[in-house]
Amino acid sequence: MTTEIGIGLAVLCVCLLVAGLVIRVSVAELAAESTRPDVVTDEKALEVRRERLAPHLEQVNAIPTPVGLRWVHVADVGKCGIDRSDGSLIQAEAWFEWEATEPVAYDQVSRVAAVGYVEILDHLVDHGWRVSKRENLNGMVTAANPGFDSADLVHSSGVKMRTQFLGDVILGRLFFRGAPKVCSFA
């Protein structure tokens, strides 16, 4: 009987310890949320960004989706925000994302996504973009990045695009020199 009481007390202590940690973490998260500054969006600057990038976003969204890929995020200008991991400001960036329809292991490269990435770049070049810089590290043997390709493209309008192929994901970001600052802390 003494052993059963001892086990019961040990289980109760562990439960109380876990409950205390959960409460402490929850209170700390609430305190962090309440001390975070507000994010301010300059609507006029956001409109300038959207207007300047609109034809290019439409152009990206009109790219025929390559076989074996799907849109995760169509090209648009995002919202201002706060990165929950470190509290830093997230700017209203123009970006897009495709991914392979068939998942691959973390350390594998999707052949269809690699082919699709090249098709996307070719389409952009055929529609007024010029590749200004290309980094291809597919020959680099590491567990973290066996498949990586990055291309910077420039349009005659001055808009630039950075694209990246990461194993089974294709990311892109559009920007231009002199873009007005859209997001700030209050």
C-alpha atoms as a PDB file:
ATOM      1  CA  MET A   1       0.000   0.000   0.000  1.00  0.00           C
ATOM      2  CA  THR A   2       2.869   2.381   0.786  1.00  0.00           C
ATOM      3  CA  THR A   3       4.289   1.786  -2.700  1.00  0.00           C
ATOM      4  CA  GLU A   4       0.940   2.659  -4.318  1.00  0.00           C
ATOM      5  CA  ILE A   5       0.737   5.902  -2.315  1.00  0.00           C
ATOM      6  CA  GLY A   6       4.317   6.750  -3.293  1.00  0.00           C
ATOM      7  CA  ILE A   7       3.589   6.146  -6.975  1.00  0.00           C
ATOM      8  CA  GLY A   8       0.391   8.183  -6.713  1.00  0.00           C
ATOM      9  CA  LEU A   9       2.269  11.084  -5.106  1.00  0.00           C
ATOM     10  CA  ALA A  10       4.997  10.894  -7.765  1.00  0.00           C
ATOM     11  CA  VAL A  11       2.412  11.011 -10.562  1.00  0.00           C
ATOM     12  CA  LEU A  12       0.644  13.933  -8.854  1.00  0.00           C
ATOM     13  CA  CYS A  13       3.949  15.830  -8.522  1.00  0.00           C
ATOM     14  CA  VAL A  14       4.783  15.295 -12.199  1.00  0.00           C
ATOM     15  CA  CYS A  15       1.300  16.488 -13.230  1.00  0.00           C
ATOM     16  CA  LEU A  16       1.628  19.596 -11.058  1.00  0.00           C
ATOM     17  CA  LEU A  17       5.089  20.298 -12.470  1.00  0.00           C
ATOM     18  CA  VAL A  18       3.849  20.006 -16.061  1.00  0.00           C
ATOM     19  CA  ALA A  19       0.795  22.160 -15.293  1.00  0.00           C
ATOM     20  CA  GLY A  20       3.049  24.795 -13.728  1.00  0.00           C
ATOM     21  CA  LEU A  21       5.302  24.860 -16.799  1.00  0.00           C
ATOM     22  CA  VAL A  22       2.320  25.164 -19.147  1.00  0.00           C
ATOM     23  CA  ILE A  23       0.888  28.034 -17.113  1.00  0.00           C
ATOM     24  CA  ARG A  24       4.281  29.748 -16.954  1.00  0.00           C
ATOM     25  CA  VAL A  25       4.808  29.465 -20.727  1.00  0.00           C
ATOM     26  CA  SER A  26       1.251  30.697 -21.394  1.00  0.00           C
ATOM     27  CA  VAL A  27       1.720  33.711 -19.117  1.00  0.00           C
ATOM     28  CA  ALA A  28       5.077  34.484 -20.764  1.00  0.00           C
ATOM     29  CA  GLU A  29       3.484  34.308 -24.235  1.00  0.00           C
ATOM     30  CA  LEU A  30       0.652  36.609 -23.146  1.00  0.00           C
ATOM     31  CA  ALA A  31       3.150  39.078 -21.693  1.00  0.00           C
ATOM     32  CA  ALA A  32       5.183  39.025 -24.909  1.00  0.00           C
ATOM     33  CA  GLU A  33       2.033  39.588 -26.988  1.00  0.00           C
ATOM     34  CA  SER A  34       0.965  42.549 -24.859  1.00  0.00           C
ATOM     35  CA  THR A  35       4.395  44.227 -25.080  1.00  0.00           C
ATOM     36  CA  ARG A  36       4.787  43.866 -28.848  1.00  0.00           C
ATOM     37  CA  PRO A  37       4.477  47.152 -30.660  1.00  0.00           C
ATOM     38  CA  ASP A  38       1.712  47.703 -33.169  1.00  0.00           C
ATOM     39  CA  VAL A  39       2.534  47.457 -36.851  1.00  0.00           C
ATOM     40  CA  VAL A  40       1.666  50.450 -38.996  1.00  0.00           C
ATOM     41  CA  THR A  41       0.993  50.103 -42.733  1.00  0.00           C
ATOM     42  CA  ASP A  42       1.625  53.131 -44.944  1.00  0.00           C
ATOM     43  CA  GLU A  43      -1.348  52.654 -47.296  1.00  0.00           C
ATOM     44  CA  LYS A  44      -0.032  55.148 -49.860  1.00  0.00           C
ATOM     45  CA  ALA A  45       3.333  53.358 -50.045  1.00  0.00           C
ATOM     46  CA  LEU A  46       1.539  50.012 -50.270  1.00  0.00           C
ATOM     47  CA  GLU A  47      -0.522  51.306 -53.199  1.00  0.00           C
ATOM     48  CA  VAL A  48       2.661  52.514 -54.972  1.00  0.00           C
ATOM     49  CA  ARG A  49       4.202  49.067 -54.518  1.00  0.00           C
ATOM     50  CA  ARG A  50       1.076  47.271 -55.746  1.00  0.00           C
ATOM     51  CA  GLU A  51       0.710  49.535 -58.798  1.00  0.00           C
ATOM     52  CA  ARG A  52       4.361  49.197 -59.811  1.00  0.00           C
ATOM     53  CA  LEU A  53       4.377  45.423 -59.415  1.00  0.00           C
ATOM     54  CA  ALA A  54       0.831  44.661 -60.675  1.00  0.00           C
ATOM     55  CA  PRO A  55       1.702  43.879 -64.324  1.00  0.00           C
ATOM     56  CA  HIS A  56       4.587  41.655 -63.227  1.00  0.00           C
ATOM     57  CA  LEU A  57       2.476  39.817 -60.651  1.00  0.00           C
ATOM     58  CA  GLU A  58      -0.149  39.221 -63.351  1.00  0.00           C
ATOM     59  CA  GLN A  59       2.582  37.950 -65.653  1.00  0.00           C
ATOM     60  CA  VAL A  60       3.844  35.478 -63.043  1.00  0.00           C
ATOM     61  CA  ASN A  61       0.312  34.301 -62.272  1.00  0.00           C
ATOM     62  CA  ALA A  62      -0.248  33.686 -66.005  1.00  0.00           C
ATOM     63  CA  ILE A  63       2.667  31.249 -66.242  1.00  0.00           C
ATOM     64  CA  PRO A  64       1.233  27.861 -67.181  1.00  0.00           C
ATOM     65  CA  THR A  65       1.678  25.621 -64.144  1.00  0.00           C
ATOM     66  CA  PRO A  66       4.297  23.017 -65.067  1.00  0.00           C
ATOM     67  CA  VAL A  67       3.337  19.354 -64.854  1.00  0.00           C
ATOM     68  CA  GLY A  68       3.899  18.012 -61.368  1.00  0.00           C
ATOM     69  CA  LEU A  69       3.705  21.412 -59.628  1.00  0.00           C
ATOM     70  CA  ARG A  70       0.910  23.253 -57.825  1.00  0.00           C
ATOM     71  CA  TRP A  71       0.524  26.801 -56.592  1.00  0.00           C
ATOM     72  CA  VAL A  72       0.997  27.220 -52.858  1.00  0.00           C
ATOM     73  CA  HIS A  73       0.889  31.019 -52.958  1.00  0.00           C
ATOM     74  CA  VAL A  74       0.011  32.970 -56.101  1.00  0.00           C
ATOM     75  CA  ALA A  75       2.038  36.098 -56.783  1.00  0.00           C
ATOM     76  CA  ASP A  76       0.757  39.041 -54.768  1.00  0.00           C
ATOM     77  CA  VAL A  77       1.858  41.707 -52.313  1.00  0.00           C
ATOM     78  CA  GLY A  78       1.546  40.381 -48.777  1.00  0.00           C
ATOM     79  CA  LYS A  79       0.694  42.197 -45.575  1.00  0.00           C
ATOM     80  CA  CYS A  80       2.804  43.772 -42.869  1.00  0.00           C
ATOM     81  CA  GLY A  81       3.289  41.674 -39.775  1.00  0.00           C
ATOM     82  CA  ILE A  82       5.503  40.543 -36.950  1.00  0.00           C
ATOM     83  CA  ASP A  83       7.640  37.421 -37.100  1.00  0.00           C
ATOM     84  CA  ARG A  84       6.541  35.443 -34.045  1.00  0.00           C
ATOM     85  CA  SER A  85       9.904  33.685 -33.809  1.00  0.00           C
ATOM     86  CA  ASP A  86      11.963  36.795 -33.137  1.00  0.00           C
ATOM     87  CA  GLY A  87       9.599  39.793 -33.057  1.00  0.00           C
ATOM     88  CA  SER A  88      11.067  41.354 -36.198  1.00  0.00           C
ATOM     89  CA  LEU A  89       9.006  43.331 -38.686  1.00  0.00           C
ATOM     90  CA  ILE A  90       7.715  41.538 -41.782  1.00  0.00           C
ATOM     91  CA  GLN A  91       7.512  43.850 -44.785  1.00  0.00           C
ATOM     92  CA  ALA A  92       4.728  43.695 -47.380  1.00  0.00           C
ATOM     93  CA  GLU A  93       6.706  41.685 -49.914  1.00  0.00           C
ATOM     94  CA  ALA A  94       5.608  40.549 -53.358  1.00  0.00           C
ATOM     95  CA  TRP A  95       6.160  36.815 -53.595  1.00  0.00           C
ATOM     96  CA  PHE A  96       4.950  33.479 -54.976  1.00  0.00           C
ATOM     97  CA  GLU A  97       5.451  29.771 -54.335  1.00  0.00           C
ATOM     98  CA  TRP A  98       4.983  26.491 -56.183  1.00  0.00           C
ATOM     99  CA  GLU A  99       5.611  23.005 -54.820  1.00  0.00           C
ATOM    100  CA  ALA A 100       5.830  19.513 -56.239  1.00  0.00           C
ATOM    101  CA  THR A 101       2.542  17.615 -56.170  1.00  0.00           C
ATOM    102  CA  GLU A 102       4.379  14.480 -55.073  1.00  0.00           C
ATOM    103  CA  PRO A 103       6.318  15.004 -51.848  1.00  0.00           C
ATOM    104  CA  VAL A 104       9.925  13.901 -51.635  1.00  0.00           C
ATOM    105  CA  ALA A 105      12.087  13.086 -48.637  1.00  0.00           C
ATOM    106  CA  TYR A 106      13.844  15.989 -46.934  1.00  0.00           C
ATOM    107  CA  ASP A 107      17.178  15.180 -48.539  1.00  0.00           C
ATOM    108  CA  GLN A 108      15.803  14.373 -52.009  1.00  0.00           C
ATOM    109  CA  VAL A 109      15.245  16.465 -55.132  1.00  0.00           C
ATOM    110  CA  SER A 110      11.986  16.326 -57.069  1.00  0.00           C
ATOM    111  CA  ARG A 111      12.816  15.781 -60.742  1.00  0.00           C
ATOM    112  CA  VAL A 112       9.460  17.240 -61.860  1.00  0.00           C
ATOM    113  CA  ALA A 113       9.995  20.333 -59.710  1.00  0.00           C
ATOM    114  CA  ALA A 114      13.507  20.781 -61.142  1.00  0.00           C
ATOM    115  CA  VAL A 115      12.145  20.522 -64.694  1.00  0.00           C
ATOM    116  CA  GLY A 116       9.274  22.853 -63.759  1.00  0.00           C
ATOM    117  CA  TYR A 117      11.707  25.416 -62.370  1.00  0.00           C
ATOM    118  CA  VAL A 118      13.582  25.517 -65.670  1.00  0.00           C
ATOM    119  CA  GLU A 119      10.256  25.841 -67.551  1.00  0.00           C
ATOM    120  CA  ILE A 120       9.285  28.790 -65.337  1.00  0.00           C
ATOM    121  CA  LEU A 121      12.622  30.528 -65.928  1.00  0.00           C
ATOM    122  CA  ASP A 122      12.384  29.898 -69.674  1.00  0.00           C
ATOM    123  CA  HIS A 123       8.854  31.333 -69.718  1.00  0.00           C
ATOM    124  CA  LEU A 124       9.987  34.465 -67.891  1.00  0.00           C
ATOM    125  CA  VAL A 125      12.935  34.958 -70.263  1.00  0.00           C
ATOM    126  CA  ASP A 126      10.578  34.515 -73.229  1.00  0.00           C
ATOM    127  CA  HIS A 127       8.356  37.252 -71.753  1.00  0.00           C
ATOM    128  CA  GLY A 128      10.778  40.111 -71.226  1.00  0.00           C
ATOM    129  CA  TRP A 129      12.908  39.065 -68.257  1.00  0.00           C
ATOM    130  CA  ARG A 130      16.695  38.667 -68.375  1.00  0.00           C
ATOM    131  CA  VAL A 131      18.688  36.405 -66.064  1.00  0.00           C
ATOM    132  CA  SER A 132      21.281  38.658 -64.422  1.00  0.00           C
ATOM    133  CA  LYS A 133      22.774  36.144 -61.984  1.00  0.00           C
ATOM    134  CA  ARG A 134      22.518  32.395 -61.585  1.00  0.00           C
ATOM    135  CA  GLU A 135      23.781  30.172 -58.796  1.00  0.00           C
ATOM    136  CA  ASN A 136      23.476  26.440 -59.202  1.00  0.00           C
ATOM    137  CA  LEU A 137      24.676  24.350 -56.330  1.00  0.00           C
ATOM    138  CA  ASN A 138      23.116  21.031 -57.344  1.00  0.00           C
ATOM    139  CA  GLY A 139      26.547  19.434 -57.316  1.00  0.00           C
ATOM    140  CA  MET A 140      27.093  20.388 -53.683  1.00  0.00           C
ATOM    141  CA  VAL A 141      26.705  17.271 -51.565  1.00  0.00           C
ATOM    142  CA  THR A 142      25.140  18.056 -48.209  1.00  0.00           C
ATOM    143  CA  ALA A 143      22.173  16.594 -46.400  1.00  0.00           C
ATOM    144  CA  ALA A 144      20.599  20.037 -46.048  1.00  0.00           C
ATOM    145  CA  ASN A 145      20.795  21.326 -49.644  1.00  0.00           C
ATOM    146  CA  PRO A 146      21.229  18.623 -52.250  1.00  0.00           C
ATOM    147  CA  GLY A 147      19.109  20.575 -54.741  1.00  0.00           C
ATOM    148  CA  PHE A 148      19.430  24.337 -54.884  1.00  0.00           C
ATOM    149  CA  ASP A 149      19.240  26.810 -57.695  1.00  0.00           C
ATOM    150  CA  SER A 150      18.850  30.558 -57.543  1.00  0.00           C
ATOM    151  CA  ALA A 151      18.280  33.003 -60.364  1.00  0.00           C
ATOM    152  CA  ASP A 152      18.038  36.784 -60.280  1.00  0.00           C
ATOM    153  CA  LEU A 153      16.023  38.227 -63.156  1.00  0.00           C
ATOM    154  CA  VAL A 154      15.624  41.824 -64.314  1.00  0.00           C
ATOM    155  CA  HIS A 155      12.794  43.332 -66.350  1.00  0.00           C
ATOM    156  CA  SER A 156      13.307  46.371 -68.603  1.00  0.00           C
ATOM    157  CA  SER A 157      10.911  48.274 -66.296  1.00  0.00           C
ATOM    158  CA  GLY A 158      13.486  48.021 -63.506  1.00  0.00           C
ATOM    159  CA  VAL A 159      11.580  45.412 -61.502  1.00  0.00           C
ATOM    160  CA  LYS A 160      13.751  42.569 -60.252  1.00  0.00           C
ATOM    161  CA  MET A 161      12.901  39.018 -59.283  1.00  0.00           C
ATOM    162  CA  ARG A 162      14.778  36.478 -57.196  1.00  0.00           C
ATOM    163  CA  THR A 163      13.755  32.855 -57.718  1.00  0.00           C
ATOM    164  CA  GLN A 164      14.928  29.813 -55.785  1.00  0.00           C
ATOM    165  CA  PHE A 165      14.528  26.081 -56.261  1.00  0.00           C
ATOM    166  CA  LEU A 166      14.864  24.134 -53.028  1.00  0.00           C
ATOM    167  CA  GLY A 167      14.427  20.398 -53.605  1.00  0.00           C
ATOM    168  CA  ASP A 168      10.671  20.375 -54.219  1.00  0.00           C
ATOM    169  CA  VAL A 169       9.706  24.025 -53.710  1.00  0.00           C
ATOM    170  CA  ILE A 170      10.035  27.037 -56.010  1.00  0.00           C
ATOM    171  CA  LEU A 171       9.974  30.479 -54.420  1.00  0.00           C
ATOM    172  CA  GLY A 172      10.042  33.915 -55.974  1.00  0.00           C
ATOM    173  CA  ARG A 173      10.163  37.502 -54.758  1.00  0.00           C
ATOM    174  CA  LEU A 174       9.651  40.699 -56.778  1.00  0.00           C
ATOM    175  CA  PHE A 175      11.067  44.092 -55.832  1.00  0.00           C
ATOM    176  CA  PHE A 176      12.341  47.363 -57.251  1.00  0.00           C
ATOM    177  CA  ARG A 177      14.931  49.970 -56.331  1.00  0.00           C
ATOM    178  CA  GLY A 178      13.544  52.915 -54.404  1.00  0.00           C
ATOM    179  CA  ALA A 179      10.451  51.042 -53.240  1.00  0.00           C
ATOM    180  CA  PRO A 180       8.778  53.048 -50.485  1.00  0.00           C
ATOM    181  CA  LYS A 181       8.844  51.594 -46.997  1.00  0.00           C
ATOM    182  CA  VAL A 182       5.397  50.142 -46.318  1.00  0.00           C
ATOM    183  CA  CYS A 183       5.623  48.707 -42.804  1.00  0.00           C
ATOM    184  CA  SER A 184       6.912  50.130 -39.545  1.00  0.00           C
ATOM    185  CA  PHE A 185       6.419  49.766 -35.820  1.00  0.00           C
ATOM    186  CA  ALA A 186       4.140  52.318 -34.120  1.00  0.00           C
END
